[in-house]
Amino acid sequence: MDERAALRLLGDRLDRAGDDAAVVDGTVVTTDMLHETTDFPDGTTRYTAGWRSVGASLSDVAAMGARATAAVAVYAAPSFDPDELGAFVDGTSEVCEVVGAEYVGGDLDGHEEFTVATTALGETGSPVLRSGAEPGDTVCVTGTLGRSAAALELFRSDETERANELFRFTPRVAAGVALAPEATAMMDSSDGLARSLHQLAEASDCGFDVDASALPVDPAVRDVADDEREALRLATTFGEDFELVCTVPADRLAVAREACPVDLTRLGVATDGDVRLDGEPLADEGWTHGDAG
C-alpha cells in the first residue's frame, strides 16, 4: 500500500480526515513529519529546517481558510547540539510570527536521523473544503510554482545560501483567510500542482482545463532548468511549494484578486470532464513521501 492508498483507507475510517486539516468545533488541527533523508537536503540549516517544518503545517491551516494561532514541534536527533537546537527554535518561532501565530514548544527525542514532527492550530467558523468546486468555476493559484524544485537543484550545486532562502517559504495564511469568503474549494500545493488538481477534482467530482502559458513559474526554476519543458515539469509535478490552489466563481474572481495579499493567477476553469493541460490529459504526478530529497 502506497501513501495515497493509506490516506484513502484512513479517510474511509475517520470522518474528519480527508482535507488539509481537521476542524473540530471551529479549531483547525494538522500534523506533519519530516525526515533528514527525504526532506532536508545536505546543506539545509537547522534554522531553515525549523521554518520549513512548522511552515508545512501552517500551510495546511491556510488551506482551510483559517487564522493560524499556534504550533508545536517534536525535534528528534542522534544528539542535541545547542547551536543547532537554538537555530531550529529561531526558525520555528519566526515563521509563526510571519503569519501571526505563536510557537509554543514541543518535545525532544533521540533518533537515528534528524526528524521533525509538527502540529499547527488555527481557528475558523467556515472552513473551505476540497469538495466545493463546480464546473464553470475558475481555478487559481497563489504566488509562484517551483521554488522547492529550484532549491533542490541549488543544494546539489552547493549553492546553499540561495537554496536555503528558497526553502523558507511564507505560509499563505493571510491569503487563505482573504480567499475563504470567495473560494468554493481550496488546498495547498505541497504535492505539486498536477496532483493537487487531481485531488481537488476527485473531491469535487469535476475536472479542470488549465492553460500552460498561465502557470506562474518561479524565476528560479528557469535558472536551473535545461529548457522550458523541464521548467514546466518542475513547476507542475515536483511539489513542496505550499501555495494555495483554489476555485472561485468566475463572477467573484476580481473580488478575490483584490482581497488576496499575494498574486492570484487564473490557471483555467473547472469542467465536467477530466484534468487537462492545454487540452491534453494531465498525469496525476507529484510529490510522494519517501522520494529522495
Protein backbone atom coordinates (compact mmCIF):
# COMPACT_ATOMS: atom_id res chain seq x y z
CA MET A 1 0.00 0.00 0.00
CA ASP A 2 1.44 3.39 -1.01
CA GLU A 3 0.88 6.64 0.86
CA ARG A 4 -2.16 7.73 -1.13
CA ALA A 5 -3.88 4.37 -0.68
CA ALA A 6 -3.15 4.58 3.04
CA LEU A 7 -4.68 8.05 3.18
CA ARG A 8 -7.81 6.81 1.42
CA LEU A 9 -8.08 3.98 3.94
CA LEU A 10 -7.85 6.42 6.83
CA GLY A 11 -10.32 8.76 5.15
CA ASP A 12 -12.85 5.93 4.96
CA ARG A 13 -12.42 5.20 8.67
CA LEU A 14 -12.13 8.72 10.08
CA ASP A 15 -14.94 11.17 9.41
CA ARG A 16 -12.81 14.28 9.93
CA ALA A 17 -9.94 13.15 7.69
CA GLY A 18 -9.57 13.92 4.00
CA ASP A 19 -8.85 17.65 3.82
CA ASP A 20 -5.63 19.55 4.56
CA ALA A 21 -6.61 19.72 8.22
CA ALA A 22 -9.33 18.54 10.58
CA VAL A 23 -11.84 21.01 12.01
CA VAL A 24 -13.30 20.37 15.46
CA ASP A 25 -15.71 22.97 16.87
CA GLY A 26 -14.01 25.74 14.91
CA THR A 27 -10.48 24.64 15.81
CA VAL A 28 -8.28 23.57 12.89
CA VAL A 29 -5.59 21.00 13.66
CA THR A 30 -2.99 19.38 11.41
CA THR A 31 0.24 17.43 11.85
CA ASP A 32 3.24 16.59 9.66
CA MET A 33 6.50 14.63 9.89
CA LEU A 34 9.72 15.41 8.01
CA HIS A 35 12.94 13.38 7.86
CA GLU A 36 16.52 14.34 7.09
CA THR A 37 16.97 11.78 4.31
CA THR A 38 13.79 12.71 2.41
CA ASP A 39 13.00 16.31 3.31
CA PHE A 40 16.21 18.16 4.25
CA PRO A 41 18.94 18.06 1.57
CA ASP A 42 22.58 18.34 2.57
CA GLY A 43 23.21 22.00 3.37
CA THR A 44 19.82 22.68 4.94
CA THR A 45 20.41 24.74 8.07
CA ARG A 46 18.58 23.94 11.29
CA TYR A 47 17.03 27.41 11.08
CA THR A 48 15.59 26.57 7.65
CA ALA A 49 14.51 23.13 8.88
CA GLY A 50 12.59 24.70 11.75
CA TRP A 51 10.98 27.29 9.50
CA ARG A 52 10.05 24.77 6.80
CA SER A 53 8.75 22.09 9.17
CA VAL A 54 6.36 24.36 11.03
CA GLY A 55 5.59 26.23 7.80
CA ALA A 56 4.33 23.00 6.23
CA SER A 57 1.73 22.60 8.96
CA LEU A 58 0.80 26.28 8.88
CA SER A 59 0.21 25.85 5.15
CA ASP A 60 -2.44 23.24 5.91
CA VAL A 61 -4.15 25.71 8.23
CA ALA A 62 -4.03 28.27 5.41
CA ALA A 63 -5.64 25.82 3.01
CA MET A 64 -8.72 25.66 5.26
CA GLY A 65 -9.09 29.44 5.17
CA ALA A 66 -8.32 29.57 8.88
CA ARG A 67 -6.42 32.01 11.06
CA ALA A 68 -3.28 30.37 12.46
CA THR A 69 -2.91 30.52 16.24
CA ALA A 70 -0.09 28.25 17.44
CA ALA A 71 2.35 25.47 16.57
CA VAL A 72 4.44 22.86 18.36
CA ALA A 73 7.20 20.53 17.15
CA VAL A 74 8.98 17.34 18.13
CA TYR A 75 12.73 17.63 17.49
CA ALA A 76 14.44 14.24 17.25
CA ALA A 77 18.16 13.77 16.54
CA PRO A 78 21.09 11.49 17.40
CA SER A 79 22.42 14.22 19.72
CA PHE A 80 21.44 17.72 20.83
CA ASP A 81 23.81 20.42 19.67
CA PRO A 82 22.91 23.70 21.43
CA ASP A 83 23.59 25.86 18.38
CA GLU A 84 21.55 23.64 16.09
CA LEU A 85 18.68 23.39 18.55
CA GLY A 86 18.68 27.14 19.09
CA ALA A 87 18.69 27.81 15.35
CA PHE A 88 15.80 25.38 14.89
CA VAL A 89 13.69 27.15 17.51
CA ASP A 90 14.52 30.51 15.95
CA GLY A 91 13.20 29.22 12.62
CA THR A 92 10.00 27.80 14.09
CA SER A 93 9.32 30.95 16.09
CA GLU A 94 9.93 33.34 13.22
CA VAL A 95 7.76 31.53 10.67
CA CYS A 96 4.95 31.62 13.24
CA GLU A 97 5.48 35.36 13.75
CA VAL A 98 5.21 35.94 10.00
CA VAL A 99 1.64 34.57 9.99
CA GLY A 100 0.52 35.97 13.34
CA ALA A 101 0.78 32.71 15.26
CA GLU A 102 2.95 31.64 18.21
CA TYR A 103 5.44 28.80 18.55
CA VAL A 104 4.72 27.37 21.99
CA GLY A 105 7.21 24.49 22.36
CA GLY A 106 7.10 20.76 21.81
CA ASP A 107 9.21 17.74 22.70
CA LEU A 108 12.74 16.35 22.32
CA ASP A 109 13.63 12.78 21.44
CA GLY A 110 16.69 10.77 20.48
CA HIS A 111 16.55 9.29 16.99
CA GLU A 112 18.97 7.78 14.48
CA GLU A 113 18.30 10.59 11.97
CA PHE A 114 17.16 14.18 12.34
CA THR A 115 13.36 14.07 12.27
CA VAL A 116 10.72 16.69 12.98
CA ALA A 117 7.02 16.23 13.74
CA THR A 118 4.93 19.39 13.81
CA THR A 119 1.37 20.33 14.75
CA ALA A 120 -0.33 23.62 13.93
CA LEU A 121 -3.61 25.02 15.20
CA GLY A 122 -5.99 27.56 13.73
CA GLU A 123 -9.48 28.94 14.05
CA THR A 124 -12.33 29.33 11.56
CA GLY A 125 -16.09 29.43 11.62
CA SER A 126 -16.42 28.45 7.96
CA PRO A 127 -13.63 26.18 6.70
CA VAL A 128 -13.01 25.86 2.96
CA LEU A 129 -13.00 22.20 1.91
CA ARG A 130 -11.69 20.49 -1.21
CA SER A 131 -15.15 19.36 -2.25
CA GLY A 132 -16.98 22.51 -3.32
CA ALA A 133 -15.71 23.20 -6.85
CA GLU A 134 -18.28 23.25 -9.65
CA PRO A 135 -17.97 23.33 -13.44
CA GLY A 136 -17.59 26.93 -14.55
CA ASP A 137 -15.55 28.00 -11.53
CA THR A 138 -12.15 29.47 -12.25
CA VAL A 139 -9.15 27.58 -10.84
CA CYS A 140 -6.34 29.71 -9.43
CA VAL A 141 -3.04 29.51 -7.57
CA THR A 142 -1.26 31.94 -5.28
CA GLY A 143 2.36 33.01 -5.70
CA THR A 144 4.72 31.09 -7.94
CA LEU A 145 5.44 27.42 -8.64
CA GLY A 146 8.71 25.51 -8.48
CA ARG A 147 10.64 27.23 -5.67
CA SER A 148 11.43 23.97 -3.89
CA ALA A 149 12.43 22.22 -7.10
CA ALA A 150 14.86 25.04 -7.84
CA ALA A 151 16.16 24.93 -4.27
CA LEU A 152 16.91 21.22 -4.53
CA GLU A 153 19.00 21.77 -7.67
CA LEU A 154 20.86 24.58 -5.90
CA PHE A 155 21.54 22.37 -2.88
CA ARG A 156 23.01 19.80 -5.26
CA SER A 157 25.23 22.51 -6.75
CA ASP A 158 26.40 23.61 -3.27
CA GLU A 159 24.68 26.97 -3.67
CA THR A 160 23.32 26.51 -0.17
CA GLU A 161 22.68 30.13 0.81
CA ARG A 162 20.25 30.73 -2.03
CA ALA A 163 18.81 27.23 -1.67
CA ASN A 164 18.00 27.85 2.00
CA GLU A 165 16.33 31.14 1.12
CA LEU A 166 14.08 29.42 -1.42
CA PHE A 167 13.27 26.66 1.08
CA ARG A 168 11.94 29.24 3.58
CA PHE A 169 8.53 29.85 2.02
CA THR A 170 5.84 32.09 3.52
CA PRO A 171 2.77 30.06 4.54
CA ARG A 172 -0.23 31.59 2.78
CA VAL A 173 -2.31 32.07 5.91
CA ALA A 174 -3.24 35.67 5.12
CA ALA A 175 -4.17 34.67 1.57
CA GLY A 176 -6.25 31.75 2.82
CA VAL A 177 -8.22 33.96 5.19
CA ALA A 178 -8.75 36.54 2.43
CA LEU A 179 -9.85 33.95 -0.12
CA ALA A 180 -12.13 31.98 2.20
CA PRO A 181 -15.28 34.10 1.57
CA GLU A 182 -14.94 33.62 -2.20
CA ALA A 183 -13.35 30.18 -2.67
CA THR A 184 -15.57 27.18 -3.36
CA ALA A 185 -12.69 24.71 -2.81
CA MET A 186 -9.09 25.05 -1.68
CA MET A 187 -5.99 23.07 -0.76
CA ASP A 188 -2.26 23.64 -0.63
CA SER A 189 0.11 22.58 -3.40
CA SER A 190 2.53 20.59 -1.24
CA ASP A 191 2.12 17.54 -3.50
CA GLY A 192 2.56 19.61 -6.68
CA LEU A 193 0.09 21.46 -8.88
CA ALA A 194 -0.78 18.47 -11.07
CA ARG A 195 -1.56 16.20 -8.13
CA SER A 196 -3.41 18.99 -6.32
CA LEU A 197 -5.68 19.47 -9.34
CA HIS A 198 -6.41 15.75 -9.39
CA GLN A 199 -7.15 15.74 -5.67
CA LEU A 200 -9.50 18.70 -5.98
CA ALA A 201 -11.15 17.08 -8.99
CA GLU A 202 -11.68 13.83 -7.11
CA ALA A 203 -13.08 15.56 -4.03
CA SER A 204 -15.38 17.85 -6.04
CA ASP A 205 -16.32 15.33 -8.76
CA CYS A 206 -15.23 17.64 -11.56
CA GLY A 207 -12.35 18.20 -13.97
CA PHE A 208 -10.11 21.11 -14.93
CA ASP A 209 -8.86 22.68 -18.14
CA VAL A 210 -5.60 24.51 -17.44
CA ASP A 211 -3.53 26.73 -19.74
CA ALA A 212 0.22 26.04 -19.52
CA SER A 213 1.07 29.59 -20.55
CA ALA A 214 -0.77 30.89 -17.48
CA LEU A 215 1.33 28.97 -14.96
CA PRO A 216 3.31 31.36 -12.70
CA VAL A 217 6.68 29.57 -12.90
CA ASP A 218 9.13 30.94 -10.34
CA PRO A 219 12.11 32.68 -11.97
CA ALA A 220 14.49 30.45 -10.00
CA VAL A 221 13.16 27.42 -11.90
CA ARG A 222 14.35 28.78 -15.23
CA ASP A 223 17.77 29.35 -13.67
CA VAL A 224 18.17 25.61 -13.08
CA ALA A 225 16.04 24.01 -15.83
CA ASP A 226 17.60 22.90 -19.11
CA ASP A 227 14.68 24.15 -21.19
CA GLU A 228 11.07 25.34 -20.99
CA ARG A 229 9.72 21.80 -20.96
CA GLU A 230 11.84 20.93 -17.93
CA ALA A 231 10.78 24.17 -16.23
CA LEU A 232 7.12 23.25 -16.77
CA ARG A 233 7.67 19.76 -15.34
CA LEU A 234 9.38 21.12 -12.23
CA ALA A 235 6.66 23.71 -11.70
CA THR A 236 3.78 21.26 -12.03
CA THR A 237 4.94 17.94 -10.58
CA PHE A 238 7.77 18.40 -8.08
CA GLY A 239 5.63 19.84 -5.30
CA GLU A 240 6.63 21.13 -1.88
CA ASP A 241 5.75 24.70 -2.89
CA PHE A 242 2.98 25.26 -0.32
CA GLU A 243 0.96 27.67 -2.42
CA LEU A 244 -2.85 27.63 -2.37
CA VAL A 245 -4.82 26.09 -5.23
CA CYS A 246 -8.43 27.23 -5.17
CA THR A 247 -11.58 27.54 -7.21
CA VAL A 248 -13.61 30.74 -7.35
CA PRO A 249 -16.86 31.51 -9.20
CA ALA A 250 -15.99 33.42 -12.37
CA ASP A 251 -18.03 36.44 -11.32
CA ARG A 252 -16.13 36.66 -8.00
CA LEU A 253 -12.59 36.38 -9.36
CA ALA A 254 -11.96 40.12 -9.44
CA VAL A 255 -13.12 40.42 -5.82
CA ALA A 256 -10.89 37.50 -4.77
CA ARG A 257 -7.88 39.02 -6.52
CA GLU A 258 -8.47 42.38 -4.86
CA ALA A 259 -8.71 40.75 -1.42
CA CYS A 260 -5.73 38.40 -1.80
CA PRO A 261 -2.48 39.88 -0.40
CA VAL A 262 -0.33 37.98 -2.94
CA ASP A 263 -0.66 37.39 -6.67
CA LEU A 264 -3.60 35.14 -7.55
CA THR A 265 -3.19 33.63 -11.01
CA ARG A 266 -6.09 32.25 -13.02
CA LEU A 267 -4.98 28.90 -14.45
CA GLY A 268 -8.15 27.78 -16.17
CA VAL A 269 -11.66 26.56 -15.49
CA ALA A 270 -13.42 23.71 -13.72
CA THR A 271 -15.26 21.35 -16.09
CA ASP A 272 -17.36 18.21 -16.03
CA GLY A 273 -14.56 16.30 -17.80
CA ASP A 274 -11.02 15.25 -16.94
CA VAL A 275 -7.96 17.15 -15.70
CA ARG A 276 -6.26 18.59 -18.79
CA LEU A 277 -3.33 20.84 -19.61
CA ASP A 278 -3.59 22.62 -22.97
CA GLY A 279 -6.31 20.17 -23.94
CA GLU A 280 -4.26 17.04 -23.20
CA PRO A 281 -4.69 14.76 -20.15
CA LEU A 282 -2.52 15.94 -17.24
CA ALA A 283 -0.92 12.98 -15.48
CA ASP A 284 -1.53 12.59 -11.76
CA GLU A 285 2.12 13.04 -10.82
CA GLY A 286 3.61 14.76 -7.82
CA TRP A 287 5.42 14.52 -4.53
CA THR A 288 5.28 11.23 -2.65
CA HIS A 289 6.73 10.88 0.84
CA GLY A 290 9.73 8.67 0.53
CA ASP A 291 11.00 10.49 -2.55
CA ALA A 292 14.66 11.37 -2.13
CA GLY A 293 15.15 14.96 -1.07
